[in-house]
């Protein structure tokens, strides 16, 4: 029986090493996936329009269709952000493929400088793959001084390829929603006070 036990020990040891190595690989993959999940999710949303994420375009489409669609504008601020944020018009009608510009007015109601950035989506969510922005205030952070009022714009169009999507055949309204979220202002460096020359240097 002693010989049998001795023969089993190397086999058991190899199995334990294999299991430990497999667990290590799984943990490494999980850690890598955690770091990659955010950029991958952002890429996935931009590519597919998932969750109503809109697209970014550098140029206008080469043709405009006769079909029109109404664009509704929804504006919000997150709790704790003392800004007033509203669209110039609540609704406009555009041709599919037409480049349009919408204007918003933002006012910092606080007595201090505040930085914020707008999150966005469209509904119905499936339309996100066809809603293209050429320029938008939401692309960058916005820093506003106390009491400052600023006009912000978004330039967009609805991709003509939407007419090939049978699920959007009856689409007549798209809602573009924005929500401003506060971003902590970076602390400004304090200027160093010049040191007075020591008495010993005068001697």
C-alpha atoms as a PDB file:
ATOM      1  CA  UNK A   1       0.000   0.000   0.000  1.00  0.00           C
ATOM      2  CA  UNK A   2       2.955   2.263   0.653  1.00  0.00           C
ATOM      3  CA  UNK A   3       4.045   1.923  -2.967  1.00  0.00           C
ATOM      4  CA  UNK A   4       0.557   2.822  -4.202  1.00  0.00           C
ATOM      5  CA  UNK A   5       0.507   5.938  -2.024  1.00  0.00           C
ATOM      6  CA  UNK A   6       3.926   6.979  -3.316  1.00  0.00           C
ATOM      7  CA  UNK A   7       2.710   6.627  -6.914  1.00  0.00           C
ATOM      8  CA  UNK A   8      -0.377   8.719  -6.255  1.00  0.00           C
ATOM      9  CA  UNK A   9       1.565  11.638  -4.711  1.00  0.00           C
ATOM     10  CA  UNK A  10       3.142  12.894  -8.000  1.00  0.00           C
ATOM     11  CA  UNK A  11      -0.216  12.597  -9.758  1.00  0.00           C
ATOM     12  CA  UNK A  12      -1.978  14.540  -7.022  1.00  0.00           C
ATOM     13  CA  UNK A  13       0.772  17.165  -7.025  1.00  0.00           C
ATOM     14  CA  UNK A  14       0.517  17.649 -10.807  1.00  0.00           C
ATOM     15  CA  UNK A  15      -3.262  17.982 -10.539  1.00  0.00           C
ATOM     16  CA  UNK A  16      -2.974  20.605  -7.798  1.00  0.00           C
ATOM     17  CA  UNK A  17      -0.427  22.567  -9.810  1.00  0.00           C
ATOM     18  CA  UNK A  18      -2.654  22.427 -12.893  1.00  0.00           C
ATOM     19  CA  UNK A  19      -5.702  23.610 -10.947  1.00  0.00           C
ATOM     20  CA  UNK A  20      -3.725  26.438  -9.328  1.00  0.00           C
ATOM     21  CA  UNK A  21      -2.355  27.547 -12.705  1.00  0.00           C
ATOM     22  CA  UNK A  22      -5.844  27.504 -14.228  1.00  0.00           C
ATOM     23  CA  UNK A  23      -7.200  29.581 -11.357  1.00  0.00           C
ATOM     24  CA  UNK A  24      -4.362  32.064 -11.825  1.00  0.00           C
ATOM     25  CA  UNK A  25      -5.172  32.430 -15.518  1.00  0.00           C
ATOM     26  CA  UNK A  26      -8.867  32.969 -14.753  1.00  0.00           C
ATOM     27  CA  UNK A  27      -8.075  35.642 -12.154  1.00  0.00           C
ATOM     28  CA  UNK A  28      -5.715  37.409 -14.573  1.00  0.00           C
ATOM     29  CA  UNK A  29      -8.375  37.363 -17.291  1.00  0.00           C
ATOM     30  CA  UNK A  30     -10.976  38.739 -14.881  1.00  0.00           C
ATOM     31  CA  UNK A  31      -8.672  41.581 -13.831  1.00  0.00           C
ATOM     32  CA  UNK A  32      -7.875  42.376 -17.470  1.00  0.00           C
ATOM     33  CA  UNK A  33     -11.555  42.308 -18.356  1.00  0.00           C
ATOM     34  CA  UNK A  34     -12.345  44.703 -15.518  1.00  0.00           C
ATOM     35  CA  UNK A  35      -9.841  47.241 -16.841  1.00  0.00           C
ATOM     36  CA  UNK A  36     -10.977  46.782 -20.439  1.00  0.00           C
ATOM     37  CA  UNK A  37     -14.715  46.774 -19.725  1.00  0.00           C
ATOM     38  CA  UNK A  38     -15.202  50.553 -19.614  1.00  0.00           C
ATOM     39  CA  UNK A  39     -13.496  51.429 -22.946  1.00  0.00           C
ATOM     40  CA  UNK A  40     -15.034  48.351 -24.552  1.00  0.00           C
ATOM     41  CA  UNK A  41     -18.492  49.348 -23.312  1.00  0.00           C
ATOM     42  CA  UNK A  42     -18.020  52.893 -24.628  1.00  0.00           C
ATOM     43  CA  UNK A  43     -16.854  51.558 -28.001  1.00  0.00           C
ATOM     44  CA  UNK A  44     -19.757  49.112 -28.137  1.00  0.00           C
ATOM     45  CA  UNK A  45     -22.300  51.846 -27.371  1.00  0.00           C
ATOM     46  CA  UNK A  46     -20.857  54.212 -29.991  1.00  0.00           C
ATOM     47  CA  UNK A  47     -20.754  51.475 -32.621  1.00  0.00           C
ATOM     48  CA  UNK A  48     -24.199  50.003 -32.061  1.00  0.00           C
ATOM     49  CA  UNK A  49     -26.137  52.909 -30.573  1.00  0.00           C
ATOM     50  CA  UNK A  50     -26.836  50.700 -27.548  1.00  0.00           C
ATOM     51  CA  UNK A  51     -28.822  52.399 -24.773  1.00  0.00           C
ATOM     52  CA  UNK A  52     -29.525  55.342 -27.067  1.00  0.00           C
ATOM     53  CA  UNK A  53     -25.880  56.361 -27.421  1.00  0.00           C
ATOM     54  CA  UNK A  54     -25.510  58.712 -30.374  1.00  0.00           C
ATOM     55  CA  UNK A  55     -22.792  58.664 -33.026  1.00  0.00           C
ATOM     56  CA  UNK A  56     -20.083  61.213 -33.869  1.00  0.00           C
ATOM     57  CA  UNK A  57     -19.553  62.302 -37.475  1.00  0.00           C
ATOM     58  CA  UNK A  58     -17.018  64.616 -39.094  1.00  0.00           C
ATOM     59  CA  UNK A  59     -19.105  65.524 -42.133  1.00  0.00           C
ATOM     60  CA  UNK A  60     -22.667  65.799 -43.380  1.00  0.00           C
ATOM     61  CA  UNK A  61     -24.350  63.070 -45.449  1.00  0.00           C
ATOM     62  CA  UNK A  62     -24.288  63.428 -49.232  1.00  0.00           C
ATOM     63  CA  UNK A  63     -28.072  63.539 -49.650  1.00  0.00           C
ATOM     64  CA  UNK A  64     -31.220  64.717 -47.862  1.00  0.00           C
ATOM     65  CA  UNK A  65     -34.507  62.825 -47.962  1.00  0.00           C
ATOM     66  CA  UNK A  66     -38.031  64.179 -48.206  1.00  0.00           C
ATOM     67  CA  UNK A  67     -39.084  62.238 -45.128  1.00  0.00           C
ATOM     68  CA  UNK A  68     -39.142  64.332 -41.958  1.00  0.00           C
ATOM     69  CA  UNK A  69     -38.901  63.542 -38.281  1.00  0.00           C
ATOM     70  CA  UNK A  70     -39.597  65.652 -35.187  1.00  0.00           C
ATOM     71  CA  UNK A  71     -36.723  66.171 -32.733  1.00  0.00           C
ATOM     72  CA  UNK A  72     -37.677  66.868 -29.114  1.00  0.00           C
ATOM     73  CA  UNK A  73     -35.116  68.354 -26.724  1.00  0.00           C
ATOM     74  CA  UNK A  74     -34.991  67.309 -23.079  1.00  0.00           C
ATOM     75  CA  UNK A  75     -32.648  69.076 -20.640  1.00  0.00           C
ATOM     76  CA  UNK A  76     -31.800  68.129 -17.059  1.00  0.00           C
ATOM     77  CA  UNK A  77     -29.251  68.810 -14.331  1.00  0.00           C
ATOM     78  CA  UNK A  78     -28.137  66.246 -11.788  1.00  0.00           C
ATOM     79  CA  UNK A  79     -28.926  66.815  -8.089  1.00  0.00           C
ATOM     80  CA  UNK A  80     -26.470  69.181  -6.454  1.00  0.00           C
ATOM     81  CA  UNK A  81     -25.675  71.133  -9.615  1.00  0.00           C
ATOM     82  CA  UNK A  82     -27.044  74.704  -9.319  1.00  0.00           C
ATOM     83  CA  UNK A  83     -27.355  75.332 -13.056  1.00  0.00           C
ATOM     84  CA  UNK A  84     -30.342  76.371 -15.128  1.00  0.00           C
ATOM     85  CA  UNK A  85     -30.339  74.468 -18.407  1.00  0.00           C
ATOM     86  CA  UNK A  86     -33.003  74.709 -21.092  1.00  0.00           C
ATOM     87  CA  UNK A  87     -33.360  74.446 -24.891  1.00  0.00           C
ATOM     88  CA  UNK A  88     -34.155  77.473 -27.033  1.00  0.00           C
ATOM     89  CA  UNK A  89     -36.877  75.395 -28.707  1.00  0.00           C
ATOM     90  CA  UNK A  90     -38.521  72.306 -27.262  1.00  0.00           C
ATOM     91  CA  UNK A  91     -39.128  70.737 -30.665  1.00  0.00           C
ATOM     92  CA  UNK A  92     -38.096  71.129 -34.302  1.00  0.00           C
ATOM     93  CA  UNK A  93     -38.822  69.207 -37.506  1.00  0.00           C
ATOM     94  CA  UNK A  94     -35.967  68.180 -39.787  1.00  0.00           C
ATOM     95  CA  UNK A  95     -35.544  66.203 -42.991  1.00  0.00           C
ATOM     96  CA  UNK A  96     -33.632  62.956 -42.644  1.00  0.00           C
ATOM     97  CA  UNK A  97     -30.067  63.705 -43.743  1.00  0.00           C
ATOM     98  CA  UNK A  98     -30.466  67.454 -43.073  1.00  0.00           C
ATOM     99  CA  UNK A  99     -27.844  69.064 -40.849  1.00  0.00           C
ATOM    100  CA  UNK A 100     -29.579  71.002 -38.065  1.00  0.00           C
ATOM    101  CA  UNK A 101     -28.397  73.149 -35.164  1.00  0.00           C
ATOM    102  CA  UNK A 102     -30.089  73.330 -31.780  1.00  0.00           C
ATOM    103  CA  UNK A 103     -29.324  75.948 -29.133  1.00  0.00           C
ATOM    104  CA  UNK A 104     -29.407  75.675 -25.349  1.00  0.00           C
ATOM    105  CA  UNK A 105     -29.038  78.313 -22.651  1.00  0.00           C
ATOM    106  CA  UNK A 106     -27.096  77.480 -19.500  1.00  0.00           C
ATOM    107  CA  UNK A 107     -26.782  79.665 -16.409  1.00  0.00           C
ATOM    108  CA  UNK A 108     -24.629  79.065 -13.354  1.00  0.00           C
ATOM    109  CA  UNK A 109     -26.881  80.083 -10.465  1.00  0.00           C
ATOM    110  CA  UNK A 110     -24.154  79.613  -7.858  1.00  0.00           C
ATOM    111  CA  UNK A 111     -21.794  82.198  -6.403  1.00  0.00           C
ATOM    112  CA  UNK A 112     -18.767  80.099  -7.334  1.00  0.00           C
ATOM    113  CA  UNK A 113     -17.148  78.683 -10.442  1.00  0.00           C
ATOM    114  CA  UNK A 114     -18.430  75.226 -11.363  1.00  0.00           C
ATOM    115  CA  UNK A 115     -17.382  72.633 -13.940  1.00  0.00           C
ATOM    116  CA  UNK A 116     -19.795  70.087 -15.399  1.00  0.00           C
ATOM    117  CA  UNK A 117     -20.226  67.855 -18.427  1.00  0.00           C
ATOM    118  CA  UNK A 118     -23.378  66.683 -20.156  1.00  0.00           C
ATOM    119  CA  UNK A 119     -24.300  63.045 -20.580  1.00  0.00           C
ATOM    120  CA  UNK A 120     -26.679  62.273 -23.429  1.00  0.00           C
ATOM    121  CA  UNK A 121     -28.839  59.716 -25.185  1.00  0.00           C
ATOM    122  CA  UNK A 122     -31.772  59.507 -27.552  1.00  0.00           C
ATOM    123  CA  UNK A 123     -35.057  57.651 -27.470  1.00  0.00           C
ATOM    124  CA  UNK A 124     -36.215  55.357 -28.772  1.00  0.00           C
ATOM    125  CA  UNK A 125     -32.818  53.810 -27.896  1.00  0.00           C
ATOM    126  CA  UNK A 126     -32.536  51.933 -31.196  1.00  0.00           C
ATOM    127  CA  UNK A 127     -32.296  55.259 -33.037  1.00  0.00           C
ATOM    128  CA  UNK A 128     -28.926  55.990 -31.413  1.00  0.00           C
ATOM    129  CA  UNK A 129     -27.157  54.179 -34.245  1.00  0.00           C
ATOM    130  CA  UNK A 130     -28.589  56.708 -36.742  1.00  0.00           C
ATOM    131  CA  UNK A 131     -28.367  59.950 -34.745  1.00  0.00           C
ATOM    132  CA  UNK A 132     -25.081  61.675 -35.637  1.00  0.00           C
ATOM    133  CA  UNK A 133     -23.482  64.696 -33.985  1.00  0.00           C
ATOM    134  CA  UNK A 134     -20.985  66.809 -35.888  1.00  0.00           C
ATOM    135  CA  UNK A 135     -20.358  69.186 -33.004  1.00  0.00           C
ATOM    136  CA  UNK A 136     -21.713  69.343 -29.467  1.00  0.00           C
ATOM    137  CA  UNK A 137     -21.145  71.099 -26.165  1.00  0.00           C
ATOM    138  CA  UNK A 138     -21.338  67.635 -24.605  1.00  0.00           C
ATOM    139  CA  UNK A 139     -17.985  66.648 -26.110  1.00  0.00           C
ATOM    140  CA  UNK A 140     -16.072  68.675 -23.518  1.00  0.00           C
ATOM    141  CA  UNK A 141     -16.325  69.832 -19.915  1.00  0.00           C
ATOM    142  CA  UNK A 142     -17.923  73.226 -19.373  1.00  0.00           C
ATOM    143  CA  UNK A 143     -16.591  75.591 -16.699  1.00  0.00           C
ATOM    144  CA  UNK A 144     -18.831  78.526 -15.834  1.00  0.00           C
ATOM    145  CA  UNK A 145     -18.145  81.517 -13.611  1.00  0.00           C
ATOM    146  CA  UNK A 146     -20.573  82.652 -10.904  1.00  0.00           C
ATOM    147  CA  UNK A 147     -23.791  83.966 -12.500  1.00  0.00           C
ATOM    148  CA  UNK A 148     -22.507  83.353 -16.042  1.00  0.00           C
ATOM    149  CA  UNK A 149     -24.992  82.602 -18.836  1.00  0.00           C
ATOM    150  CA  UNK A 150     -23.797  80.863 -21.959  1.00  0.00           C
ATOM    151  CA  UNK A 151     -25.357  79.636 -25.210  1.00  0.00           C
ATOM    152  CA  UNK A 152     -24.411  76.089 -26.152  1.00  0.00           C
ATOM    153  CA  UNK A 153     -25.114  74.343 -29.441  1.00  0.00           C
ATOM    154  CA  UNK A 154     -25.341  70.882 -30.935  1.00  0.00           C
ATOM    155  CA  UNK A 155     -25.036  70.224 -34.679  1.00  0.00           C
ATOM    156  CA  UNK A 156     -26.573  66.943 -35.790  1.00  0.00           C
ATOM    157  CA  UNK A 157     -28.370  64.945 -38.463  1.00  0.00           C
ATOM    158  CA  UNK A 158     -30.329  61.709 -38.763  1.00  0.00           C
ATOM    159  CA  UNK A 159     -28.527  59.228 -41.009  1.00  0.00           C
ATOM    160  CA  UNK A 160     -30.455  58.516 -44.235  1.00  0.00           C
ATOM    161  CA  UNK A 161     -29.693  54.812 -43.799  1.00  0.00           C
ATOM    162  CA  UNK A 162     -32.413  54.737 -41.150  1.00  0.00           C
ATOM    163  CA  UNK A 163     -35.001  54.317 -43.920  1.00  0.00           C
ATOM    164  CA  UNK A 164     -33.527  50.877 -44.654  1.00  0.00           C
ATOM    165  CA  UNK A 165     -34.353  49.755 -41.115  1.00  0.00           C
ATOM    166  CA  UNK A 166     -37.859  48.293 -41.230  1.00  0.00           C
ATOM    167  CA  UNK A 167     -38.152  48.660 -37.445  1.00  0.00           C
ATOM    168  CA  UNK A 168     -38.028  52.459 -37.885  1.00  0.00           C
ATOM    169  CA  UNK A 169     -40.608  52.645 -40.668  1.00  0.00           C
ATOM    170  CA  UNK A 170     -43.162  54.340 -38.413  1.00  0.00           C
ATOM    171  CA  UNK A 171     -40.695  56.548 -36.554  1.00  0.00           C
ATOM    172  CA  UNK A 172     -41.884  60.166 -36.396  1.00  0.00           C
ATOM    173  CA  UNK A 173     -40.287  61.554 -33.207  1.00  0.00           C
ATOM    174  CA  UNK A 174     -36.819  61.355 -31.658  1.00  0.00           C
ATOM    175  CA  UNK A 175     -36.086  62.722 -28.199  1.00  0.00           C
ATOM    176  CA  UNK A 176     -32.573  64.011 -27.522  1.00  0.00           C
ATOM    177  CA  UNK A 177     -31.879  64.124 -23.787  1.00  0.00           C
ATOM    178  CA  UNK A 178     -29.043  65.811 -21.923  1.00  0.00           C
ATOM    179  CA  UNK A 179     -28.149  65.763 -18.242  1.00  0.00           C
ATOM    180  CA  UNK A 180     -25.351  67.919 -16.842  1.00  0.00           C
ATOM    181  CA  UNK A 181     -23.267  66.270 -14.108  1.00  0.00           C
ATOM    182  CA  UNK A 182     -20.989  68.203 -11.821  1.00  0.00           C
ATOM    183  CA  UNK A 183     -17.243  67.576 -11.991  1.00  0.00           C
ATOM    184  CA  UNK A 184     -15.055  68.477  -8.997  1.00  0.00           C
ATOM    185  CA  UNK A 185     -13.023  71.568  -9.779  1.00  0.00           C
ATOM    186  CA  UNK A 186      -9.265  70.967  -9.555  1.00  0.00           C
ATOM    187  CA  UNK A 187      -7.631  72.783  -6.680  1.00  0.00           C
ATOM    188  CA  UNK A 188      -5.678  75.809  -7.823  1.00  0.00           C
ATOM    189  CA  UNK A 189      -2.031  75.797  -6.677  1.00  0.00           C
ATOM    190  CA  UNK A 190      -1.182  78.285  -3.973  1.00  0.00           C
ATOM    191  CA  UNK A 191       1.633  80.668  -4.902  1.00  0.00           C
ATOM    192  CA  UNK A 192       4.708  80.256  -2.771  1.00  0.00           C
ATOM    193  CA  UNK A 193       5.564  83.166  -0.474  1.00  0.00           C
ATOM    194  CA  UNK A 194       9.134  84.348  -1.136  1.00  0.00           C
ATOM    195  CA  UNK A 195      11.370  83.781   1.850  1.00  0.00           C
ATOM    196  CA  UNK A 196      13.061  86.762   3.464  1.00  0.00           C
ATOM    197  CA  UNK A 197      16.862  86.663   3.341  1.00  0.00           C
ATOM    198  CA  UNK A 198      18.416  85.377   6.558  1.00  0.00           C
ATOM    199  CA  UNK A 199      20.360  87.760   8.788  1.00  0.00           C
ATOM    200  CA  UNK A 200      23.469  85.690   8.385  1.00  0.00           C
ATOM    201  CA  UNK A 201      23.603  86.509   4.643  1.00  0.00           C
ATOM    202  CA  UNK A 202      24.104  90.209   5.434  1.00  0.00           C
ATOM    203  CA  UNK A 203      27.225  89.581   7.394  1.00  0.00           C
END
